Amino acid sequence: YTPSHLQQGKKYPVVLVMHGCCGTDSHATLRNTVDPIVRMWHNFGANKQKTPTYIVAPATSRGWQQHFPALKKVLDDLIARHDADPQRVYVTGFSMGGDGAFRIIQQYPHYFAAAITMGMRFHGDSTLVKDIPIWSNQGETDYFSRALRKNVADIRHLNGAPQDTGNVWVTGVNPRYSNFKGYDHGVMWIAASTQPLTDW
């Protein structure tokens, strides 16, 4: 998505959105690429962006990591030729896409300004991501993100917080964390529609 009425010489943010698993037919692809983590950048039903933002929402049927070099080329091209702001490159994802978001910020740790993950635990090297602003969202009974509280606490510990702070948001200590009681894996609608994620 390219914002309308772009002003010459002005820089615009860009967000990479990675959908969850799975599906290979056209219906599944369309469903996955228009889910709430895309729509929140358009203020849902208002279909209007608060801040004009490029949105890159690719599709895959199995995993994201093999696509990272190609996705980075797309982002680099937006920066080089289309006034995307290299200081405001964001990534977000749900489920398989949340895993992709965690993995891509490890592969390119100085590239992304922030990450929003939903419905997935962190896999990898916490030291590579501890300085990247992260807002992680979890359903209370979600199996796929069951270790997320500990992941958040571990990264916060690297940033100087006490070890037992995974269950709540600690002001000034990264990452930010939200847990939605009564929700399982399908946390993206409630997370995207009830929190100021794009303002953050």
N, C-alpha and C. Protein backbone atom coordinates (compact mmCIF):
# COMPACT_ATOMS: atom_id res chain seq x y z
N TYR A 1 0.84 -1.18 0.00
CA TYR A 1 0.00 0.00 0.00
C TYR A 1 0.88 1.24 0.00
N THR A 2 0.58 2.14 -0.91
CA THR A 2 1.27 3.42 -0.98
C THR A 2 0.32 4.52 -0.57
N PRO A 3 0.68 5.34 0.40
CA PRO A 3 -0.22 6.41 0.83
C PRO A 3 -0.49 7.40 -0.30
N SER A 4 -1.63 8.03 -0.26
CA SER A 4 -1.96 9.06 -1.25
C SER A 4 -1.45 10.42 -0.80
N HIS A 5 -1.34 11.31 -1.74
CA HIS A 5 -0.96 12.71 -1.48
C HIS A 5 0.41 12.82 -0.79
N LEU A 6 1.36 12.06 -1.27
CA LEU A 6 2.71 12.17 -0.72
C LEU A 6 3.31 13.51 -1.10
N GLN A 7 4.06 14.10 -0.17
CA GLN A 7 4.68 15.39 -0.40
C GLN A 7 6.14 15.20 -0.78
N GLN A 8 6.55 15.86 -1.82
CA GLN A 8 7.92 15.72 -2.30
C GLN A 8 8.90 16.17 -1.22
N GLY A 9 9.93 15.36 -1.00
CA GLY A 9 10.96 15.70 -0.03
C GLY A 9 10.65 15.26 1.39
N LYS A 10 9.44 14.78 1.63
CA LYS A 10 9.07 14.32 2.97
C LYS A 10 9.29 12.82 3.08
N LYS A 11 9.69 12.35 4.26
CA LYS A 11 9.93 10.93 4.50
C LYS A 11 8.73 10.32 5.22
N TYR A 12 8.42 9.06 4.87
CA TYR A 12 7.24 8.40 5.41
C TYR A 12 7.62 7.05 6.02
N PRO A 13 6.95 6.67 7.11
CA PRO A 13 7.23 5.38 7.73
C PRO A 13 6.77 4.22 6.84
N VAL A 14 7.34 3.05 7.11
CA VAL A 14 6.95 1.84 6.38
C VAL A 14 6.84 0.70 7.38
N VAL A 15 5.81 -0.12 7.22
CA VAL A 15 5.63 -1.27 8.11
C VAL A 15 5.57 -2.54 7.29
N LEU A 16 6.31 -3.54 7.74
CA LEU A 16 6.27 -4.87 7.17
C LEU A 16 5.32 -5.71 8.02
N VAL A 17 4.28 -6.29 7.39
CA VAL A 17 3.25 -7.05 8.10
C VAL A 17 3.33 -8.51 7.65
N MET A 18 3.53 -9.41 8.60
CA MET A 18 3.62 -10.83 8.28
C MET A 18 2.43 -11.58 8.88
N HIS A 19 1.68 -12.22 8.02
CA HIS A 19 0.46 -12.91 8.44
C HIS A 19 0.79 -14.25 9.11
N GLY A 20 -0.25 -14.84 9.70
CA GLY A 20 -0.10 -16.14 10.34
C GLY A 20 -0.32 -17.28 9.38
N CYS A 21 -0.13 -18.48 9.87
CA CYS A 21 -0.29 -19.69 9.08
C CYS A 21 -1.78 -20.02 8.97
N CYS A 22 -2.24 -20.58 8.01
CA CYS A 22 -1.64 -21.18 6.83
C CYS A 22 -2.61 -20.99 5.69
N GLY A 23 -2.42 -21.71 4.65
CA GLY A 23 -3.31 -21.67 3.51
C GLY A 23 -2.57 -21.32 2.25
N THR A 24 -2.89 -22.01 1.18
CA THR A 24 -2.21 -21.78 -0.09
C THR A 24 -3.16 -21.31 -1.18
N ASP A 25 -4.47 -21.40 -0.97
CA ASP A 25 -5.39 -20.95 -2.03
C ASP A 25 -5.58 -19.45 -1.95
N SER A 26 -6.24 -18.89 -2.97
CA SER A 26 -6.36 -17.44 -3.05
C SER A 26 -7.21 -16.88 -1.92
N HIS A 27 -8.23 -17.63 -1.48
CA HIS A 27 -9.09 -17.15 -0.38
C HIS A 27 -8.27 -17.02 0.90
N ALA A 28 -7.46 -18.03 1.22
CA ALA A 28 -6.65 -17.97 2.43
C ALA A 28 -5.65 -16.84 2.34
N THR A 29 -5.07 -16.64 1.17
CA THR A 29 -4.08 -15.57 1.00
C THR A 29 -4.72 -14.21 1.24
N LEU A 30 -5.90 -13.99 0.65
CA LEU A 30 -6.58 -12.72 0.86
C LEU A 30 -6.96 -12.51 2.32
N ARG A 31 -7.46 -13.56 2.96
CA ARG A 31 -7.82 -13.45 4.38
C ARG A 31 -6.61 -13.08 5.22
N ASN A 32 -5.50 -13.75 4.96
CA ASN A 32 -4.32 -13.54 5.77
C ASN A 32 -3.74 -12.14 5.59
N THR A 33 -3.78 -11.62 4.36
CA THR A 33 -3.11 -10.34 4.12
C THR A 33 -3.98 -9.14 4.45
N VAL A 34 -5.24 -9.34 4.85
CA VAL A 34 -6.06 -8.20 5.27
C VAL A 34 -6.49 -8.32 6.72
N ASP A 35 -5.78 -9.10 7.49
CA ASP A 35 -6.18 -9.28 8.89
C ASP A 35 -5.91 -8.01 9.70
N PRO A 36 -6.28 -7.98 10.96
CA PRO A 36 -6.30 -6.74 11.74
C PRO A 36 -4.97 -6.01 11.84
N ILE A 37 -3.88 -6.72 11.76
CA ILE A 37 -2.60 -6.02 11.89
C ILE A 37 -2.28 -5.18 10.66
N VAL A 38 -3.00 -5.38 9.56
CA VAL A 38 -2.95 -4.43 8.45
C VAL A 38 -3.99 -3.35 8.66
N ARG A 39 -5.20 -3.76 9.03
CA ARG A 39 -6.31 -2.81 9.13
C ARG A 39 -6.08 -1.74 10.19
N MET A 40 -5.33 -2.07 11.25
CA MET A 40 -5.14 -1.05 12.29
C MET A 40 -4.38 0.15 11.76
N TRP A 41 -3.58 -0.03 10.71
CA TRP A 41 -2.88 1.11 10.12
C TRP A 41 -3.83 2.00 9.32
N HIS A 42 -5.05 1.52 9.07
CA HIS A 42 -6.07 2.30 8.37
C HIS A 42 -7.20 2.69 9.31
N ASN A 43 -6.96 2.60 10.62
CA ASN A 43 -7.97 2.98 11.61
C ASN A 43 -9.26 2.18 11.41
N PHE A 44 -9.09 0.90 11.06
CA PHE A 44 -10.20 -0.05 10.89
C PHE A 44 -11.28 0.51 9.97
N GLY A 45 -12.52 0.64 10.45
CA GLY A 45 -13.63 1.01 9.58
C GLY A 45 -13.50 2.38 8.96
N ALA A 46 -12.76 3.28 9.58
CA ALA A 46 -12.60 4.62 9.03
C ALA A 46 -11.78 4.59 7.73
N ASN A 47 -10.97 3.53 7.57
CA ASN A 47 -10.16 3.36 6.36
C ASN A 47 -9.35 4.61 6.04
N LYS A 48 -8.77 5.19 7.08
CA LYS A 48 -7.99 6.41 6.90
C LYS A 48 -6.78 6.36 7.81
N GLN A 49 -5.63 6.62 7.27
CA GLN A 49 -4.41 6.58 8.06
C GLN A 49 -4.22 7.88 8.84
N LYS A 50 -3.87 7.76 10.13
CA LYS A 50 -3.49 8.93 10.91
C LYS A 50 -2.18 9.49 10.40
N THR A 51 -1.23 8.60 10.21
CA THR A 51 0.08 8.96 9.67
C THR A 51 0.27 8.20 8.37
N PRO A 52 0.42 8.90 7.24
CA PRO A 52 0.62 8.20 5.97
C PRO A 52 1.79 7.21 6.09
N THR A 53 1.53 5.95 5.78
CA THR A 53 2.50 4.88 6.01
C THR A 53 2.48 3.88 4.86
N TYR A 54 3.65 3.55 4.34
CA TYR A 54 3.74 2.44 3.40
C TYR A 54 3.48 1.13 4.14
N ILE A 55 2.72 0.23 3.54
CA ILE A 55 2.45 -1.07 4.12
C ILE A 55 2.90 -2.15 3.15
N VAL A 56 3.78 -3.02 3.60
CA VAL A 56 4.23 -4.16 2.82
C VAL A 56 3.63 -5.40 3.48
N ALA A 57 2.70 -6.06 2.78
CA ALA A 57 1.99 -7.21 3.35
C ALA A 57 2.09 -8.40 2.38
N PRO A 58 3.21 -9.10 2.40
CA PRO A 58 3.40 -10.23 1.50
C PRO A 58 2.65 -11.47 1.98
N ALA A 59 2.69 -12.51 1.18
CA ALA A 59 2.01 -13.76 1.52
C ALA A 59 2.97 -14.93 1.36
N THR A 60 2.82 -15.91 2.24
CA THR A 60 3.60 -17.14 2.15
C THR A 60 2.75 -18.29 2.67
N SER A 61 3.07 -19.49 2.26
CA SER A 61 2.31 -20.64 2.75
C SER A 61 3.03 -21.41 3.84
N ARG A 62 4.34 -21.16 3.99
CA ARG A 62 5.08 -21.90 5.01
C ARG A 62 6.31 -21.11 5.46
N GLY A 63 6.18 -20.42 6.56
CA GLY A 63 7.33 -19.75 7.15
C GLY A 63 7.75 -18.48 6.44
N TRP A 64 8.51 -17.65 7.16
CA TRP A 64 8.93 -16.36 6.62
C TRP A 64 10.43 -16.24 6.41
N GLN A 65 11.23 -17.00 7.13
CA GLN A 65 12.66 -16.74 7.16
C GLN A 65 13.31 -16.81 5.79
N GLN A 66 12.84 -17.72 4.94
CA GLN A 66 13.45 -17.86 3.62
C GLN A 66 13.20 -16.63 2.75
N HIS A 67 12.23 -15.80 3.13
CA HIS A 67 11.89 -14.61 2.35
C HIS A 67 12.59 -13.33 2.85
N PHE A 68 13.31 -13.40 3.94
CA PHE A 68 13.89 -12.19 4.53
C PHE A 68 14.74 -11.38 3.56
N PRO A 69 15.66 -11.99 2.81
CA PRO A 69 16.47 -11.18 1.88
C PRO A 69 15.61 -10.44 0.85
N ALA A 70 14.59 -11.12 0.32
CA ALA A 70 13.72 -10.47 -0.67
C ALA A 70 12.89 -9.35 -0.04
N LEU A 71 12.38 -9.59 1.18
CA LEU A 71 11.59 -8.56 1.86
C LEU A 71 12.45 -7.34 2.17
N LYS A 72 13.68 -7.57 2.57
CA LYS A 72 14.56 -6.43 2.86
C LYS A 72 14.84 -5.63 1.58
N LYS A 73 14.95 -6.31 0.44
CA LYS A 73 15.16 -5.59 -0.82
C LYS A 73 13.98 -4.67 -1.12
N VAL A 74 12.77 -5.14 -0.84
CA VAL A 74 11.59 -4.30 -1.05
C VAL A 74 11.65 -3.07 -0.14
N LEU A 75 11.96 -3.29 1.13
CA LEU A 75 12.06 -2.17 2.07
C LEU A 75 13.17 -1.21 1.67
N ASP A 76 14.31 -1.76 1.28
CA ASP A 76 15.44 -0.93 0.85
C ASP A 76 15.06 -0.08 -0.37
N ASP A 77 14.29 -0.67 -1.29
CA ASP A 77 13.86 0.08 -2.47
C ASP A 77 12.92 1.22 -2.10
N LEU A 78 12.01 0.98 -1.15
CA LEU A 78 11.13 2.06 -0.69
C LEU A 78 11.93 3.19 -0.07
N ILE A 79 12.99 2.85 0.63
CA ILE A 79 13.85 3.86 1.24
C ILE A 79 14.65 4.61 0.18
N ALA A 80 15.19 3.88 -0.77
CA ALA A 80 16.08 4.48 -1.77
C ALA A 80 15.33 5.30 -2.81
N ARG A 81 14.10 4.85 -3.19
CA ARG A 81 13.46 5.48 -4.35
C ARG A 81 12.07 6.03 -4.10
N HIS A 82 11.53 5.82 -2.89
CA HIS A 82 10.13 6.21 -2.68
C HIS A 82 9.90 6.94 -1.36
N ASP A 83 10.93 7.58 -0.83
CA ASP A 83 10.79 8.45 0.34
C ASP A 83 10.34 7.75 1.61
N ALA A 84 10.59 6.44 1.72
CA ALA A 84 10.38 5.78 3.01
C ALA A 84 11.50 6.21 3.95
N ASP A 85 11.17 6.34 5.22
CA ASP A 85 12.10 6.86 6.22
C ASP A 85 12.91 5.71 6.82
N PRO A 86 14.23 5.69 6.63
CA PRO A 86 15.03 4.59 7.18
C PRO A 86 15.04 4.54 8.70
N GLN A 87 14.63 5.63 9.35
CA GLN A 87 14.55 5.65 10.82
C GLN A 87 13.20 5.17 11.34
N ARG A 88 12.25 4.93 10.43
CA ARG A 88 10.90 4.50 10.85
C ARG A 88 10.45 3.29 10.03
N VAL A 89 11.22 2.22 10.12
CA VAL A 89 10.87 0.95 9.50
C VAL A 89 10.40 0.02 10.61
N TYR A 90 9.17 -0.46 10.52
CA TYR A 90 8.56 -1.25 11.58
C TYR A 90 8.20 -2.63 11.06
N VAL A 91 8.03 -3.57 11.98
CA VAL A 91 7.58 -4.91 11.61
C VAL A 91 6.56 -5.40 12.62
N THR A 92 5.56 -6.11 12.12
CA THR A 92 4.55 -6.69 12.98
C THR A 92 4.11 -8.02 12.39
N GLY A 93 3.59 -8.89 13.25
CA GLY A 93 3.14 -10.18 12.76
C GLY A 93 2.34 -10.93 13.81
N PHE A 94 1.48 -11.82 13.31
CA PHE A 94 0.65 -12.66 14.16
C PHE A 94 1.01 -14.12 13.95
N SER A 95 1.13 -14.89 15.04
CA SER A 95 1.36 -16.32 14.99
C SER A 95 2.64 -16.62 14.21
N MET A 96 2.55 -17.32 13.09
CA MET A 96 3.72 -17.56 12.27
C MET A 96 4.40 -16.24 11.89
N GLY A 97 3.60 -15.21 11.69
CA GLY A 97 4.13 -13.89 11.40
C GLY A 97 4.79 -13.24 12.61
N GLY A 98 4.28 -13.55 13.81
CA GLY A 98 4.94 -13.07 15.02
C GLY A 98 6.31 -13.70 15.17
N ASP A 99 6.39 -14.99 14.85
CA ASP A 99 7.68 -15.66 14.84
C ASP A 99 8.60 -15.01 13.80
N GLY A 100 8.03 -14.70 12.63
CA GLY A 100 8.81 -14.03 11.60
C GLY A 100 9.33 -12.68 12.06
N ALA A 101 8.48 -11.93 12.77
CA ALA A 101 8.91 -10.62 13.26
C ALA A 101 10.06 -10.76 14.25
N PHE A 102 9.95 -11.71 15.18
CA PHE A 102 11.04 -11.94 16.12
C PHE A 102 12.33 -12.34 15.40
N ARG A 103 12.19 -13.15 14.36
CA ARG A 103 13.38 -13.64 13.67
C ARG A 103 14.02 -12.57 12.79
N ILE A 104 13.22 -11.73 12.13
CA ILE A 104 13.80 -10.75 11.23
C ILE A 104 14.51 -9.64 11.99
N ILE A 105 14.04 -9.31 13.20
CA ILE A 105 14.77 -8.28 13.96
C ILE A 105 16.08 -8.83 14.51
N GLN A 106 16.19 -10.16 14.62
CA GLN A 106 17.48 -10.75 14.97
C GLN A 106 18.43 -10.75 13.78
N GLN A 107 17.88 -11.00 12.60
CA GLN A 107 18.73 -11.05 11.39
C GLN A 107 19.22 -9.66 11.01
N TYR A 108 18.37 -8.65 11.22
CA TYR A 108 18.73 -7.26 10.90
C TYR A 108 18.49 -6.39 12.13
N PRO A 109 19.29 -6.54 13.18
CA PRO A 109 18.96 -5.91 14.47
C PRO A 109 19.07 -4.39 14.49
N HIS A 110 19.73 -3.80 13.51
CA HIS A 110 19.87 -2.33 13.51
C HIS A 110 18.99 -1.69 12.43
N TYR A 111 18.09 -2.46 11.89
CA TYR A 111 17.29 -1.99 10.75
C TYR A 111 15.91 -1.49 11.15
N PHE A 112 15.30 -2.16 12.13
CA PHE A 112 13.91 -1.87 12.48
C PHE A 112 13.82 -0.95 13.70
N ALA A 113 12.89 0.03 13.61
CA ALA A 113 12.70 0.98 14.70
C ALA A 113 11.90 0.37 15.84
N ALA A 114 11.02 -0.60 15.54
CA ALA A 114 10.20 -1.24 16.57
C ALA A 114 9.52 -2.46 15.97
N ALA A 115 9.03 -3.33 16.87
CA ALA A 115 8.32 -4.54 16.45
C ALA A 115 7.11 -4.75 17.34
N ILE A 116 6.00 -5.20 16.73
CA ILE A 116 4.78 -5.58 17.46
C ILE A 116 4.49 -7.03 17.11
N THR A 117 4.50 -7.89 18.12
CA THR A 117 4.23 -9.31 17.88
C THR A 117 2.94 -9.72 18.58
N MET A 118 2.28 -10.71 17.98
CA MET A 118 1.03 -11.22 18.53
C MET A 118 0.98 -12.73 18.40
N GLY A 119 0.65 -13.41 19.49
CA GLY A 119 0.38 -14.83 19.44
C GLY A 119 1.57 -15.71 19.17
N MET A 120 2.76 -15.31 19.63
CA MET A 120 3.92 -16.16 19.43
C MET A 120 5.00 -15.84 20.46
N ARG A 121 5.70 -16.89 20.90
CA ARG A 121 6.82 -16.72 21.81
C ARG A 121 8.05 -16.28 21.03
N PHE A 122 9.08 -15.90 21.76
CA PHE A 122 10.35 -15.50 21.17
C PHE A 122 11.28 -16.70 21.08
N HIS A 123 11.90 -16.87 19.91
CA HIS A 123 12.93 -17.89 19.73
C HIS A 123 14.20 -17.17 19.31
N GLY A 124 15.30 -17.42 20.01
CA GLY A 124 16.55 -16.86 19.54
C GLY A 124 17.40 -16.22 20.60
N ASP A 125 18.19 -15.25 20.18
CA ASP A 125 19.20 -14.60 21.01
C ASP A 125 18.67 -13.27 21.53
N SER A 126 18.32 -13.23 22.82
CA SER A 126 17.74 -12.02 23.41
C SER A 126 18.69 -10.83 23.34
N THR A 127 19.99 -11.08 23.35
CA THR A 127 20.93 -9.96 23.34
C THR A 127 20.87 -9.18 22.03
N LEU A 128 20.40 -9.82 20.96
CA LEU A 128 20.31 -9.15 19.66
C LEU A 128 19.11 -8.20 19.57
N VAL A 129 18.10 -8.42 20.40
CA VAL A 129 16.86 -7.65 20.27
C VAL A 129 16.55 -6.78 21.48
N LYS A 130 17.38 -6.81 22.51
CA LYS A 130 17.02 -6.15 23.76
C LYS A 130 16.88 -4.64 23.62
N ASP A 131 17.54 -4.04 22.63
CA ASP A 131 17.48 -2.59 22.47
C ASP A 131 16.43 -2.14 21.45
N ILE A 132 15.74 -3.09 20.84
CA ILE A 132 14.69 -2.75 19.88
C ILE A 132 13.36 -2.65 20.63
N PRO A 133 12.64 -1.54 20.52
CA PRO A 133 11.33 -1.45 21.17
C PRO A 133 10.40 -2.55 20.65
N ILE A 134 9.86 -3.35 21.57
CA ILE A 134 8.98 -4.47 21.23
C ILE A 134 7.72 -4.37 22.09
N TRP A 135 6.57 -4.60 21.46
CA TRP A 135 5.32 -4.74 22.20
C TRP A 135 4.76 -6.11 21.85
N SER A 136 4.80 -7.03 22.81
CA SER A 136 4.35 -8.41 22.60
C SER A 136 2.97 -8.61 23.20
N ASN A 137 2.11 -9.30 22.46
CA ASN A 137 0.72 -9.52 22.85
C ASN A 137 0.41 -11.00 22.88
N GLN A 138 -0.30 -11.42 23.94
CA GLN A 138 -0.53 -12.84 24.19
C GLN A 138 -1.94 -13.08 24.70
N GLY A 139 -2.59 -14.12 24.19
CA GLY A 139 -3.82 -14.60 24.79
C GLY A 139 -3.48 -15.42 26.02
N GLU A 140 -4.30 -15.29 27.05
CA GLU A 140 -4.01 -15.92 28.34
C GLU A 140 -3.73 -17.42 28.23
N THR A 141 -4.47 -18.12 27.39
CA THR A 141 -4.35 -19.58 27.32
C THR A 141 -3.70 -20.05 26.01
N ASP A 142 -2.97 -19.17 25.35
CA ASP A 142 -2.39 -19.51 24.04
C ASP A 142 -1.21 -20.47 24.19
N TYR A 143 -1.31 -21.62 23.56
CA TYR A 143 -0.25 -22.63 23.60
C TYR A 143 1.00 -22.13 22.89
N PHE A 144 0.83 -21.48 21.75
CA PHE A 144 1.97 -21.09 20.92
C PHE A 144 2.82 -19.99 21.55
N SER A 145 2.24 -19.20 22.43
CA SER A 145 3.01 -18.14 23.08
C SER A 145 3.15 -18.40 24.58
N ARG A 146 3.07 -19.67 24.97
CA ARG A 146 3.04 -20.01 26.40
C ARG A 146 4.31 -19.56 27.13
N ALA A 147 5.43 -19.45 26.44
CA ALA A 147 6.69 -19.05 27.09
C ALA A 147 6.94 -17.55 27.00
N LEU A 148 5.99 -16.78 26.48
CA LEU A 148 6.25 -15.36 26.21
C LEU A 148 6.52 -14.56 27.47
N ARG A 149 5.79 -14.84 28.56
CA ARG A 149 6.05 -14.10 29.81
C ARG A 149 7.51 -14.24 30.23
N LYS A 150 8.03 -15.46 30.16
CA LYS A 150 9.44 -15.68 30.52
C LYS A 150 10.37 -15.01 29.52
N ASN A 151 10.03 -15.06 28.23
CA ASN A 151 10.84 -14.37 27.22
C ASN A 151 10.94 -12.89 27.52
N VAL A 152 9.78 -12.27 27.82
CA VAL A 152 9.75 -10.84 28.12
C VAL A 152 10.57 -10.54 29.37
N ALA A 153 10.39 -11.36 30.40
CA ALA A 153 11.15 -11.15 31.64
C ALA A 153 12.65 -11.27 31.40
N ASP A 154 13.05 -12.21 30.56
CA ASP A 154 14.48 -12.39 30.27
C ASP A 154 15.06 -11.18 29.55
N ILE A 155 14.33 -10.65 28.56
CA ILE A 155 14.83 -9.48 27.84
C ILE A 155 14.84 -8.26 28.75
N ARG A 156 13.80 -8.11 29.58
CA ARG A 156 13.79 -6.99 30.53
C ARG A 156 14.95 -7.09 31.51
N HIS A 157 15.27 -8.30 31.91
CA HIS A 157 16.39 -8.48 32.83
C HIS A 157 17.68 -7.97 32.20
N LEU A 158 17.87 -8.22 30.91
CA LEU A 158 19.03 -7.69 30.20
C LEU A 158 19.04 -6.16 30.20
N ASN A 159 17.85 -5.57 30.29
CA ASN A 159 17.73 -4.12 30.29
C ASN A 159 17.65 -3.53 31.69
N GLY A 160 17.96 -4.34 32.70
CA GLY A 160 18.09 -3.81 34.05
C GLY A 160 16.89 -3.98 34.94
N ALA A 161 15.87 -4.70 34.49
CA ALA A 161 14.69 -4.91 35.32
C ALA A 161 14.88 -6.13 36.21
N PRO A 162 14.16 -6.20 37.34
CA PRO A 162 14.18 -7.43 38.13
C PRO A 162 13.71 -8.62 37.29
N GLN A 163 14.10 -9.79 37.66
CA GLN A 163 13.83 -10.97 36.85
C GLN A 163 12.36 -11.36 36.80
N ASP A 164 11.55 -10.91 37.75
CA ASP A 164 10.17 -11.41 37.85
C ASP A 164 9.13 -10.42 37.30
N THR A 165 9.46 -9.65 36.25
CA THR A 165 8.55 -8.61 35.78
C THR A 165 7.83 -9.00 34.49
N GLY A 166 7.78 -10.29 34.15
CA GLY A 166 7.19 -10.68 32.87
C GLY A 166 5.70 -10.49 32.77
N ASN A 167 4.97 -10.45 33.88
CA ASN A 167 3.51 -10.44 33.83
C ASN A 167 2.90 -9.06 33.65
N VAL A 168 3.67 -8.01 33.82
CA VAL A 168 3.12 -6.67 33.76
C VAL A 168 4.03 -5.78 32.91
N TRP A 169 3.45 -4.65 32.49
CA TRP A 169 4.25 -3.64 31.80
C TRP A 169 5.00 -2.81 32.83
N VAL A 170 6.30 -2.74 32.71
CA VAL A 170 7.13 -1.94 33.60
C VAL A 170 7.54 -0.69 32.84
N THR A 171 7.13 0.47 33.31
CA THR A 171 7.40 1.70 32.60
C THR A 171 8.89 1.86 32.35
N GLY A 172 9.22 2.11 31.09
CA GLY A 172 10.60 2.38 30.73
C GLY A 172 11.46 1.15 30.54
N VAL A 173 10.91 -0.04 30.75
CA VAL A 173 11.70 -1.25 30.57
C VAL A 173 11.14 -2.05 29.40
N ASN A 174 11.96 -2.25 28.40
CA ASN A 174 11.58 -2.95 27.18
C ASN A 174 11.75 -4.46 27.37
N PRO A 175 10.83 -5.30 26.83
CA PRO A 175 9.69 -5.02 25.97
C PRO A 175 8.41 -4.70 26.74
N ARG A 176 7.47 -4.09 26.01
CA ARG A 176 6.13 -3.92 26.54
C ARG A 176 5.38 -5.25 26.33
N TYR A 177 4.40 -5.52 27.21
CA TYR A 177 3.74 -6.82 27.18
C TYR A 177 2.27 -6.67 27.55
N SER A 178 1.40 -7.32 26.76
CA SER A 178 -0.03 -7.34 27.05
C SER A 178 -0.52 -8.78 27.06
N ASN A 179 -1.31 -9.12 28.08
CA ASN A 179 -1.91 -10.44 28.19
C ASN A 179 -3.43 -10.26 28.25
N PHE A 180 -4.15 -11.00 27.40
CA PHE A 180 -5.59 -10.84 27.31
C PHE A 180 -6.29 -12.04 27.93
N LYS A 181 -6.89 -11.80 29.08
CA LYS A 181 -7.57 -12.88 29.82
C LYS A 181 -8.78 -13.36 29.04
N GLY A 182 -8.96 -14.68 29.02
CA GLY A 182 -10.09 -15.27 28.32
C GLY A 182 -9.86 -15.48 26.84
N TYR A 183 -8.68 -15.11 26.36
CA TYR A 183 -8.37 -15.30 24.94
C TYR A 183 -7.33 -16.39 24.77
N ASP A 184 -7.46 -17.09 23.66
CA ASP A 184 -6.51 -18.14 23.31
C ASP A 184 -5.59 -17.59 22.22
N HIS A 185 -5.34 -18.36 21.17
CA HIS A 185 -4.37 -17.96 20.15
C HIS A 185 -4.84 -16.77 19.33
N GLY A 186 -6.14 -16.69 19.04
CA GLY A 186 -6.66 -15.64 18.18
C GLY A 186 -6.73 -14.29 18.86
N VAL A 187 -5.59 -13.74 19.19
CA VAL A 187 -5.52 -12.52 20.00
C VAL A 187 -5.41 -11.26 19.15
N MET A 188 -5.27 -11.41 17.82
CA MET A 188 -4.90 -10.23 17.03
C MET A 188 -6.00 -9.17 16.98
N TRP A 189 -7.28 -9.58 16.92
CA TRP A 189 -8.35 -8.57 16.87
C TRP A 189 -8.40 -7.74 18.15
N ILE A 190 -8.39 -8.41 19.28
CA ILE A 190 -8.47 -7.66 20.55
C ILE A 190 -7.22 -6.82 20.78
N ALA A 191 -6.07 -7.35 20.42
CA ALA A 191 -4.82 -6.60 20.61
C ALA A 191 -4.78 -5.37 19.72
N ALA A 192 -5.19 -5.53 18.47
CA ALA A 192 -5.11 -4.43 17.51
C ALA A 192 -6.18 -3.38 17.71
N SER A 193 -7.37 -3.79 18.20
CA SER A 193 -8.49 -2.85 18.26
C SER A 193 -8.65 -2.15 19.60
N THR A 194 -7.95 -2.60 20.64
CA THR A 194 -8.15 -2.00 21.97
C THR A 194 -6.91 -1.30 22.50
N GLN A 195 -5.83 -1.28 21.73
CA GLN A 195 -4.58 -0.66 22.20
C GLN A 195 -4.06 0.32 21.15
N PRO A 196 -3.37 1.36 21.59
CA PRO A 196 -2.84 2.35 20.64
C PRO A 196 -1.52 1.90 20.02
N LEU A 197 -1.55 0.76 19.33
CA LEU A 197 -0.31 0.17 18.84
C LEU A 197 0.38 1.06 17.81
N THR A 198 -0.38 1.59 16.87
CA THR A 198 0.26 2.42 15.83
C THR A 198 0.74 3.75 16.41
N ASP A 199 0.01 4.31 17.37
CA ASP A 199 0.50 5.53 18.04
C ASP A 199 1.80 5.27 18.76
N TRP A 200 1.90 4.11 19.40
CA TRP A 200 3.12 3.73 20.09
C TRP A 200 4.27 3.62 19.11
